[in-house]
PDB file of N, CA and C in Angstrom:
ATOM      1  N   UNK A   1      19.998 -18.334 -25.697  1.00  0.00           N
ATOM      2  CA  UNK A   1      19.870 -17.665 -24.437  1.00  0.00           C
ATOM      3  C   UNK A   1      19.397 -16.243 -24.705  1.00  0.00           C
ATOM      4  N   UNK A   2      18.786 -15.657 -23.685  1.00  0.00           N
ATOM      5  CA  UNK A   2      18.247 -14.304 -23.758  1.00  0.00           C
ATOM      6  C   UNK A   2      18.833 -13.486 -22.616  1.00  0.00           C
ATOM      7  N   UNK A   3      19.055 -12.193 -22.849  1.00  0.00           N
ATOM      8  CA  UNK A   3      19.546 -11.320 -21.790  1.00  0.00           C
ATOM      9  C   UNK A   3      19.163  -9.876 -22.068  1.00  0.00           C
ATOM     10  N   UNK A   4      19.263  -9.071 -21.022  1.00  0.00           N
ATOM     11  CA  UNK A   4      18.996  -7.642 -21.120  1.00  0.00           C
ATOM     12  C   UNK A   4      20.325  -6.931 -21.332  1.00  0.00           C
ATOM     13  N   UNK A   5      20.411  -6.127 -22.380  1.00  0.00           N
ATOM     14  CA  UNK A   5      21.593  -5.324 -22.661  1.00  0.00           C
ATOM     15  C   UNK A   5      21.312  -3.914 -22.150  1.00  0.00           C
ATOM     16  N   UNK A   6      21.839  -3.603 -20.969  1.00  0.00           N
ATOM     17  CA  UNK A   6      21.560  -2.313 -20.329  1.00  0.00           C
ATOM     18  C   UNK A   6      22.099  -1.120 -21.111  1.00  0.00           C
ATOM     19  N   UNK A   7      23.193  -1.310 -21.834  1.00  0.00           N
ATOM     20  CA  UNK A   7      23.785  -0.184 -22.561  1.00  0.00           C
ATOM     21  C   UNK A   7      22.866   0.380 -23.625  1.00  0.00           C
ATOM     22  N   UNK A   8      22.158  -0.478 -24.313  1.00  0.00           N
ATOM     23  CA  UNK A   8      21.268  -0.022 -25.382  1.00  0.00           C
ATOM     24  C   UNK A   8      19.794  -0.237 -25.048  1.00  0.00           C
ATOM     25  N   UNK A   9      19.522  -0.661 -23.802  1.00  0.00           N
ATOM     26  CA  UNK A   9      18.146  -0.916 -23.355  1.00  0.00           C
ATOM     27  C   UNK A   9      17.414  -1.837 -24.323  1.00  0.00           C
ATOM     28  N   UNK A  10      17.972  -3.013 -24.500  1.00  0.00           N
ATOM     29  CA  UNK A  10      17.416  -3.973 -25.449  1.00  0.00           C
ATOM     30  C   UNK A  10      17.430  -5.370 -24.845  1.00  0.00           C
ATOM     31  N   UNK A  11      16.634  -6.241 -25.426  1.00  0.00           N
ATOM     32  CA  UNK A  11      16.653  -7.659 -25.095  1.00  0.00           C
ATOM     33  C   UNK A  11      17.312  -8.362 -26.269  1.00  0.00           C
ATOM     34  N   UNK A  12      18.333  -9.153 -25.973  1.00  0.00           N
ATOM     35  CA  UNK A  12      19.094  -9.832 -27.025  1.00  0.00           C
ATOM     36  C   UNK A  12      18.963 -11.348 -26.892  1.00  0.00           C
ATOM     37  N   UNK A  13      19.300 -12.028 -27.982  1.00  0.00           N
ATOM     38  CA  UNK A  13      19.235 -13.482 -28.062  1.00  0.00           C
ATOM     39  C   UNK A  13      20.486 -13.977 -28.768  1.00  0.00           C
ATOM     40  N   UNK A  14      20.986 -15.167 -28.370  1.00  0.00           N
ATOM     41  CA  UNK A  14      22.116 -15.797 -29.047  1.00  0.00           C
ATOM     42  C   UNK A  14      22.053 -17.300 -28.830  1.00  0.00           C
ATOM     43  N   UNK A  15      22.847 -18.012 -29.612  1.00  0.00           N
ATOM     44  CA  UNK A  15      22.998 -19.451 -29.391  1.00  0.00           C
ATOM     45  C   UNK A  15      23.833 -19.672 -28.129  1.00  0.00           C
ATOM     46  N   UNK A  16      23.814 -20.850 -27.584  1.00  0.00           N
ATOM     47  CA  UNK A  16      24.543 -21.141 -26.353  1.00  0.00           C
ATOM     48  C   UNK A  16      26.049 -20.947 -26.489  1.00  0.00           C
ATOM     49  N   UNK A  17      26.593 -21.067 -27.701  1.00  0.00           N
ATOM     50  CA  UNK A  17      28.028 -20.854 -27.895  1.00  0.00           C
ATOM     51  C   UNK A  17      28.380 -19.376 -28.073  1.00  0.00           C
ATOM     52  N   UNK A  18      27.378 -18.499 -27.987  1.00  0.00           N
ATOM     53  CA  UNK A  18      27.600 -17.056 -28.105  1.00  0.00           C
ATOM     54  C   UNK A  18      27.497 -16.519 -29.513  1.00  0.00           C
ATOM     55  N   UNK A  19      27.325 -17.379 -30.480  1.00  0.00           N
ATOM     56  CA  UNK A  19      27.202 -16.915 -31.864  1.00  0.00           C
ATOM     57  C   UNK A  19      25.755 -16.553 -32.186  1.00  0.00           C
ATOM     58  N   UNK A  20      25.579 -15.874 -33.288  1.00  0.00           N
ATOM     59  CA  UNK A  20      24.233 -15.539 -33.756  1.00  0.00           C
ATOM     60  C   UNK A  20      23.499 -14.540 -32.886  1.00  0.00           C
ATOM     61  N   UNK A  21      24.213 -13.568 -32.335  1.00  0.00           N
ATOM     62  CA  UNK A  21      23.567 -12.564 -31.472  1.00  0.00           C
ATOM     63  C   UNK A  21      22.571 -11.751 -32.293  1.00  0.00           C
ATOM     64  N   UNK A  22      21.361 -11.639 -31.757  1.00  0.00           N
ATOM     65  CA  UNK A  22      20.299 -10.870 -32.403  1.00  0.00           C
ATOM     66  C   UNK A  22      19.635  -9.962 -31.382  1.00  0.00           C
ATOM     67  N   UNK A  23      19.172  -8.825 -31.839  1.00  0.00           N
ATOM     68  CA  UNK A  23      18.390  -7.927 -31.001  1.00  0.00           C
ATOM     69  C   UNK A  23      16.936  -8.367 -31.125  1.00  0.00           C
ATOM     70  N   UNK A  24      16.315  -8.746 -30.008  1.00  0.00           N
ATOM     71  CA  UNK A  24      14.916  -9.151 -30.025  1.00  0.00           C
ATOM     72  C   UNK A  24      14.006  -7.932 -29.960  1.00  0.00           C
ATOM     73  N   UNK A  25      14.255  -7.054 -29.006  1.00  0.00           N
ATOM     74  CA  UNK A  25      13.423  -5.871 -28.818  1.00  0.00           C
ATOM     75  C   UNK A  25      14.342  -4.722 -28.453  1.00  0.00           C
ATOM     76  N   UNK A  26      14.154  -3.571 -29.080  1.00  0.00           N
ATOM     77  CA  UNK A  26      14.906  -2.403 -28.641  1.00  0.00           C
ATOM     78  C   UNK A  26      14.101  -1.120 -28.738  1.00  0.00           C
ATOM     79  N   UNK A  27      13.295  -0.954 -29.752  1.00  0.00           N
ATOM     80  CA  UNK A  27      12.618   0.324 -29.948  1.00  0.00           C
ATOM     81  C   UNK A  27      11.485   0.561 -28.954  1.00  0.00           C
ATOM     82  N   UNK A  28      10.887  -0.491 -28.455  1.00  0.00           N
ATOM     83  CA  UNK A  28       9.736  -0.327 -27.584  1.00  0.00           C
ATOM     84  C   UNK A  28      10.016  -0.675 -26.127  1.00  0.00           C
ATOM     85  N   UNK A  29      11.261  -0.988 -25.801  1.00  0.00           N
ATOM     86  CA  UNK A  29      11.621  -1.338 -24.442  1.00  0.00           C
ATOM     87  C   UNK A  29      12.403  -0.175 -23.850  1.00  0.00           C
ATOM     88  N   UNK A  30      11.844   0.449 -22.817  1.00  0.00           N
ATOM     89  CA  UNK A  30      12.523   1.601 -22.240  1.00  0.00           C
ATOM     90  C   UNK A  30      13.440   1.223 -21.085  1.00  0.00           C
ATOM     91  N   UNK A  31      12.978   0.479 -20.133  1.00  0.00           N
ATOM     92  CA  UNK A  31      13.786   0.066 -18.982  1.00  0.00           C
ATOM     93  C   UNK A  31      13.484  -1.368 -18.582  1.00  0.00           C
ATOM     94  N   UNK A  32      13.924  -2.345 -19.373  1.00  0.00           N
ATOM     95  CA  UNK A  32      13.664  -3.739 -18.999  1.00  0.00           C
ATOM     96  C   UNK A  32      14.430  -4.107 -17.743  1.00  0.00           C
ATOM     97  N   UNK A  33      13.774  -4.788 -16.829  1.00  0.00           N
ATOM     98  CA  UNK A  33      14.415  -5.139 -15.551  1.00  0.00           C
ATOM     99  C   UNK A  33      13.852  -6.450 -15.053  1.00  0.00           C
ATOM    100  N   UNK A  34      14.296  -7.519 -15.618  1.00  0.00           N
ATOM    101  CA  UNK A  34      13.814  -8.831 -15.245  1.00  0.00           C
ATOM    102  C   UNK A  34      13.365  -9.551 -16.497  1.00  0.00           C
ATOM    103  N   UNK A  35      13.649 -10.822 -16.573  1.00  0.00           N
ATOM    104  CA  UNK A  35      13.389 -11.558 -17.798  1.00  0.00           C
ATOM    105  C   UNK A  35      13.016 -12.986 -17.443  1.00  0.00           C
ATOM    106  N   UNK A  36      11.973 -13.483 -18.051  1.00  0.00           N
ATOM    107  CA  UNK A  36      11.546 -14.878 -17.876  1.00  0.00           C
ATOM    108  C   UNK A  36      11.206 -15.452 -19.245  1.00  0.00           C
ATOM    109  N   UNK A  37      11.660 -16.673 -19.494  1.00  0.00           N
ATOM    110  CA  UNK A  37      11.368 -17.357 -20.746  1.00  0.00           C
ATOM    111  C   UNK A  37      10.401 -18.495 -20.470  1.00  0.00           C
ATOM    112  N   UNK A  38       9.311 -18.530 -21.202  1.00  0.00           N
ATOM    113  CA  UNK A  38       8.336 -19.616 -21.132  1.00  0.00           C
ATOM    114  C   UNK A  38       8.543 -20.471 -22.376  1.00  0.00           C
ATOM    115  N   UNK A  39       9.330 -21.537 -22.225  1.00  0.00           N
ATOM    116  CA  UNK A  39       9.672 -22.381 -23.367  1.00  0.00           C
ATOM    117  C   UNK A  39       8.486 -23.177 -23.866  1.00  0.00           C
ATOM    118  N   UNK A  40       7.517 -23.454 -23.011  1.00  0.00           N
ATOM    119  CA  UNK A  40       6.349 -24.232 -23.409  1.00  0.00           C
ATOM    120  C   UNK A  40       5.452 -23.417 -24.333  1.00  0.00           C
ATOM    121  N   UNK A  41       5.156 -22.185 -23.942  1.00  0.00           N
ATOM    122  CA  UNK A  41       4.273 -21.329 -24.741  1.00  0.00           C
ATOM    123  C   UNK A  41       5.032 -20.442 -25.720  1.00  0.00           C
ATOM    124  N   UNK A  42       6.366 -20.497 -25.678  1.00  0.00           N
ATOM    125  CA  UNK A  42       7.224 -19.695 -26.565  1.00  0.00           C
ATOM    126  C   UNK A  42       7.017 -18.195 -26.367  1.00  0.00           C
ATOM    127  N   UNK A  43       6.965 -17.786 -25.090  1.00  0.00           N
ATOM    128  CA  UNK A  43       6.803 -16.377 -24.746  1.00  0.00           C
ATOM    129  C   UNK A  43       7.991 -15.881 -23.937  1.00  0.00           C
ATOM    130  N   UNK A  44       8.244 -14.589 -24.030  1.00  0.00           N
ATOM    131  CA  UNK A  44       9.258 -13.924 -23.245  1.00  0.00           C
ATOM    132  C   UNK A  44       8.571 -12.833 -22.435  1.00  0.00           C
ATOM    133  N   UNK A  45       8.816 -12.802 -21.126  1.00  0.00           N
ATOM    134  CA  UNK A  45       8.195 -11.838 -20.227  1.00  0.00           C
ATOM    135  C   UNK A  45       9.284 -10.979 -19.596  1.00  0.00           C
ATOM    136  N   UNK A  46       9.004  -9.716 -19.352  1.00  0.00           N
ATOM    137  CA  UNK A  46       9.933  -8.868 -18.602  1.00  0.00           C
ATOM    138  C   UNK A  46       9.162  -7.748 -17.927  1.00  0.00           C
ATOM    139  N   UNK A  47       9.769  -7.218 -16.877  1.00  0.00           N
ATOM    140  CA  UNK A  47       9.177  -6.064 -16.206  1.00  0.00           C
ATOM    141  C   UNK A  47       9.829  -4.807 -16.765  1.00  0.00           C
ATOM    142  N   UNK A  48       9.072  -3.731 -16.784  1.00  0.00           N
ATOM    143  CA  UNK A  48       9.538  -2.448 -17.297  1.00  0.00           C
ATOM    144  C   UNK A  48       9.446  -1.440 -16.159  1.00  0.00           C
ATOM    145  N   UNK A  49      10.593  -0.991 -15.652  1.00  0.00           N
ATOM    146  CA  UNK A  49      10.590  -0.130 -14.473  1.00  0.00           C
ATOM    147  C   UNK A  49      10.154   1.298 -14.774  1.00  0.00           C
ATOM    148  N   UNK A  50      10.240   1.742 -16.009  1.00  0.00           N
ATOM    149  CA  UNK A  50       9.816   3.116 -16.304  1.00  0.00           C
ATOM    150  C   UNK A  50       8.301   3.239 -16.416  1.00  0.00           C
ATOM    151  N   UNK A  51       7.634   2.161 -16.803  1.00  0.00           N
ATOM    152  CA  UNK A  51       6.175   2.203 -16.943  1.00  0.00           C
ATOM    153  C   UNK A  51       5.465   1.379 -15.878  1.00  0.00           C
ATOM    154  N   UNK A  52       6.241   0.700 -15.009  1.00  0.00           N
ATOM    155  CA  UNK A  52       5.665  -0.153 -13.966  1.00  0.00           C
ATOM    156  C   UNK A  52       4.665  -1.154 -14.535  1.00  0.00           C
ATOM    157  N   UNK A  53       5.121  -1.905 -15.520  1.00  0.00           N
ATOM    158  CA  UNK A  53       4.252  -2.920 -16.106  1.00  0.00           C
ATOM    159  C   UNK A  53       5.059  -4.174 -16.405  1.00  0.00           C
ATOM    160  N   UNK A  54       4.356  -5.229 -16.737  1.00  0.00           N
ATOM    161  CA  UNK A  54       4.962  -6.476 -17.177  1.00  0.00           C
ATOM    162  C   UNK A  54       4.552  -6.676 -18.629  1.00  0.00           C
ATOM    163  N   UNK A  55       5.545  -6.928 -19.478  1.00  0.00           N
ATOM    164  CA  UNK A  55       5.298  -7.044 -20.912  1.00  0.00           C
ATOM    165  C   UNK A  55       5.561  -8.471 -21.374  1.00  0.00           C
ATOM    166  N   UNK A  56       5.026  -8.800 -22.540  1.00  0.00           N
ATOM    167  CA  UNK A  56       5.138 -10.142 -23.115  1.00  0.00           C
ATOM    168  C   UNK A  56       5.307 -10.025 -24.620  1.00  0.00           C
ATOM    169  N   UNK A  57       6.044 -10.971 -25.187  1.00  0.00           N
ATOM    170  CA  UNK A  57       6.105 -11.114 -26.641  1.00  0.00           C
ATOM    171  C   UNK A  57       6.462 -12.560 -26.955  1.00  0.00           C
ATOM    172  N   UNK A  58       6.224 -12.956 -28.204  1.00  0.00           N
ATOM    173  CA  UNK A  58       6.631 -14.281 -28.650  1.00  0.00           C
ATOM    174  C   UNK A  58       8.152 -14.335 -28.736  1.00  0.00           C
ATOM    175  N   UNK A  59       8.733 -15.515 -28.600  1.00  0.00           N
ATOM    176  CA  UNK A  59      10.178 -15.664 -28.678  1.00  0.00           C
ATOM    177  C   UNK A  59      10.744 -15.244 -30.036  1.00  0.00           C
ATOM    178  N   UNK A  60       9.911 -15.226 -31.061  1.00  0.00           N
ATOM    179  CA  UNK A  60      10.394 -14.792 -32.376  1.00  0.00           C
ATOM    180  C   UNK A  60      10.408 -13.270 -32.522  1.00  0.00           C
ATOM    181  N   UNK A  61      10.051 -12.548 -31.455  1.00  0.00           N
ATOM    182  CA  UNK A  61      10.120 -11.089 -31.469  1.00  0.00           C
ATOM    183  C   UNK A  61       8.857 -10.379 -31.913  1.00  0.00           C
ATOM    184  N   UNK A  62       7.778 -11.111 -32.113  1.00  0.00           N
ATOM    185  CA  UNK A  62       6.536 -10.485 -32.566  1.00  0.00           C
ATOM    186  C   UNK A  62       5.520 -10.397 -31.435  1.00  0.00           C
ATOM    187  N   UNK A  63       4.467  -9.657 -31.671  1.00  0.00           N
ATOM    188  CA  UNK A  63       3.306  -9.546 -30.779  1.00  0.00           C
ATOM    189  C   UNK A  63       3.650  -8.996 -29.399  1.00  0.00           C
ATOM    190  N   UNK A  64       4.402  -7.911 -29.361  1.00  0.00           N
ATOM    191  CA  UNK A  64       4.719  -7.247 -28.102  1.00  0.00           C
ATOM    192  C   UNK A  64       3.461  -6.626 -27.511  1.00  0.00           C
ATOM    193  N   UNK A  65       3.186  -6.951 -26.221  1.00  0.00           N
ATOM    194  CA  UNK A  65       1.995  -6.448 -25.538  1.00  0.00           C
ATOM    195  C   UNK A  65       2.309  -6.150 -24.077  1.00  0.00           C
ATOM    196  N   UNK A  66       1.530  -5.276 -23.492  1.00  0.00           N
ATOM    197  CA  UNK A  66       1.572  -5.073 -22.047  1.00  0.00           C
ATOM    198  C   UNK A  66       0.636  -6.086 -21.431  1.00  0.00           C
ATOM    199  N   UNK A  67       1.158  -6.911 -20.529  1.00  0.00           N
ATOM    200  CA  UNK A  67       0.368  -7.960 -19.903  1.00  0.00           C
ATOM    201  C   UNK A  67      -0.329  -7.458 -18.643  1.00  0.00           C
ATOM    202  N   UNK A  68       0.420  -6.763 -17.787  1.00  0.00           N
ATOM    203  CA  UNK A  68      -0.124  -6.226 -16.540  1.00  0.00           C
ATOM    204  C   UNK A  68       0.376  -4.796 -16.393  1.00  0.00           C
ATOM    205  N   UNK A  69      -0.556  -3.864 -16.136  1.00  0.00           N
ATOM    206  CA  UNK A  69      -0.141  -2.468 -15.967  1.00  0.00           C
ATOM    207  C   UNK A  69      -0.844  -1.782 -14.806  1.00  0.00           C
ATOM    208  N   UNK A  70      -1.724  -2.487 -14.147  1.00  0.00           N
ATOM    209  CA  UNK A  70      -2.463  -1.883 -13.034  1.00  0.00           C
ATOM    210  C   UNK A  70      -2.053  -2.513 -11.716  1.00  0.00           C
ATOM    211  N   UNK A  71      -2.088  -1.707 -10.665  1.00  0.00           N
ATOM    212  CA  UNK A  71      -1.795  -2.167  -9.308  1.00  0.00           C
ATOM    213  C   UNK A  71      -0.374  -2.691  -9.134  1.00  0.00           C
ATOM    214  N   UNK A  72       0.580  -2.160  -9.911  1.00  0.00           N
ATOM    215  CA  UNK A  72       1.985  -2.514  -9.749  1.00  0.00           C
ATOM    216  C   UNK A  72       2.752  -1.254  -9.364  1.00  0.00           C
ATOM    217  N   UNK A  73       3.186  -1.185  -8.124  1.00  0.00           N
ATOM    218  CA  UNK A  73       4.001  -0.045  -7.711  1.00  0.00           C
ATOM    219  C   UNK A  73       5.388  -0.154  -8.306  1.00  0.00           C
ATOM    220  N   UNK A  74       5.928  -1.359  -8.314  1.00  0.00           N
ATOM    221  CA  UNK A  74       7.237  -1.626  -8.914  1.00  0.00           C
ATOM    222  C   UNK A  74       7.307  -3.102  -9.229  1.00  0.00           C
ATOM    223  N   UNK A  75       7.359  -3.453 -10.520  1.00  0.00           N
ATOM    224  CA  UNK A  75       7.420  -4.869 -10.875  1.00  0.00           C
ATOM    225  C   UNK A  75       8.680  -5.512 -10.314  1.00  0.00           C
ATOM    226  N   UNK A  76       8.592  -6.763  -9.873  1.00  0.00           N
ATOM    227  CA  UNK A  76       9.764  -7.436  -9.298  1.00  0.00           C
ATOM    228  C   UNK A  76      10.755  -7.842 -10.380  1.00  0.00           C
ATOM    229  N   UNK A  77      12.051  -7.562 -10.189  1.00  0.00           N
ATOM    230  CA  UNK A  77      13.048  -8.037 -11.153  1.00  0.00           C
ATOM    231  C   UNK A  77      13.349  -9.514 -10.932  1.00  0.00           C
ATOM    232  N   UNK A  78      13.689 -10.213 -11.984  1.00  0.00           N
ATOM    233  CA  UNK A  78      14.071 -11.621 -11.915  1.00  0.00           C
ATOM    234  C   UNK A  78      15.322 -11.823 -12.747  1.00  0.00           C
ATOM    235  N   UNK A  79      16.266 -12.552 -12.245  1.00  0.00           N
ATOM    236  CA  UNK A  79      17.446 -12.976 -12.998  1.00  0.00           C
ATOM    237  C   UNK A  79      18.214 -11.792 -13.577  1.00  0.00           C
ATOM    238  N   UNK A  80      18.273 -10.703 -12.838  1.00  0.00           N
ATOM    239  CA  UNK A  80      18.981  -9.509 -13.302  1.00  0.00           C
ATOM    240  C   UNK A  80      20.439  -9.832 -13.596  1.00  0.00           C
ATOM    241  N   UNK A  81      20.855  -9.564 -14.816  1.00  0.00           N
ATOM    242  CA  UNK A  81      22.241  -9.746 -15.192  1.00  0.00           C
ATOM    243  C   UNK A  81      22.633 -11.167 -15.556  1.00  0.00           C
ATOM    244  N   UNK A  82      21.756 -12.115 -15.413  1.00  0.00           N
ATOM    245  CA  UNK A  82      22.067 -13.508 -15.743  1.00  0.00           C
ATOM    246  C   UNK A  82      21.295 -13.924 -16.990  1.00  0.00           C
ATOM    247  N   UNK A  83      21.950 -14.483 -17.988  1.00  0.00           N
ATOM    248  CA  UNK A  83      21.228 -14.913 -19.187  1.00  0.00           C
ATOM    249  C   UNK A  83      20.290 -16.070 -18.883  1.00  0.00           C
ATOM    250  N   UNK A  84      19.185 -16.108 -19.586  1.00  0.00           N
ATOM    251  CA  UNK A  84      18.214 -17.192 -19.454  1.00  0.00           C
ATOM    252  C   UNK A  84      18.539 -18.240 -20.500  1.00  0.00           C
ATOM    253  N   UNK A  85      18.824 -19.440 -20.061  1.00  0.00           N
ATOM    254  CA  UNK A  85      19.195 -20.519 -20.960  1.00  0.00           C
ATOM    255  C   UNK A  85      18.213 -21.658 -20.791  1.00  0.00           C
ATOM    256  N   UNK A  86      17.851 -22.277 -21.887  1.00  0.00           N
ATOM    257  CA  UNK A  86      16.921 -23.390 -21.784  1.00  0.00           C
ATOM    258  C   UNK A  86      17.098 -24.385 -22.864  1.00  0.00           C
TER     259      UNK A  86
END
């Protein structure tokens, strides 16, 4: 499962039993607010409220990119506070 850790402004990952907690992204995520997991393409998407953009990376934590950064006044949050399980 994946979730946003507001205290440290990071995206974390763990097994369904809660073990194996790992930090997926922390240094480059300023204000994550919304999280979507694409299990088919193995991508993780989130909105960033400080930069008004939508970002993407592989589920393994690599290839962080800005996907959309234009014409977004405020990206929509999704699943705020609820872990994404699949």
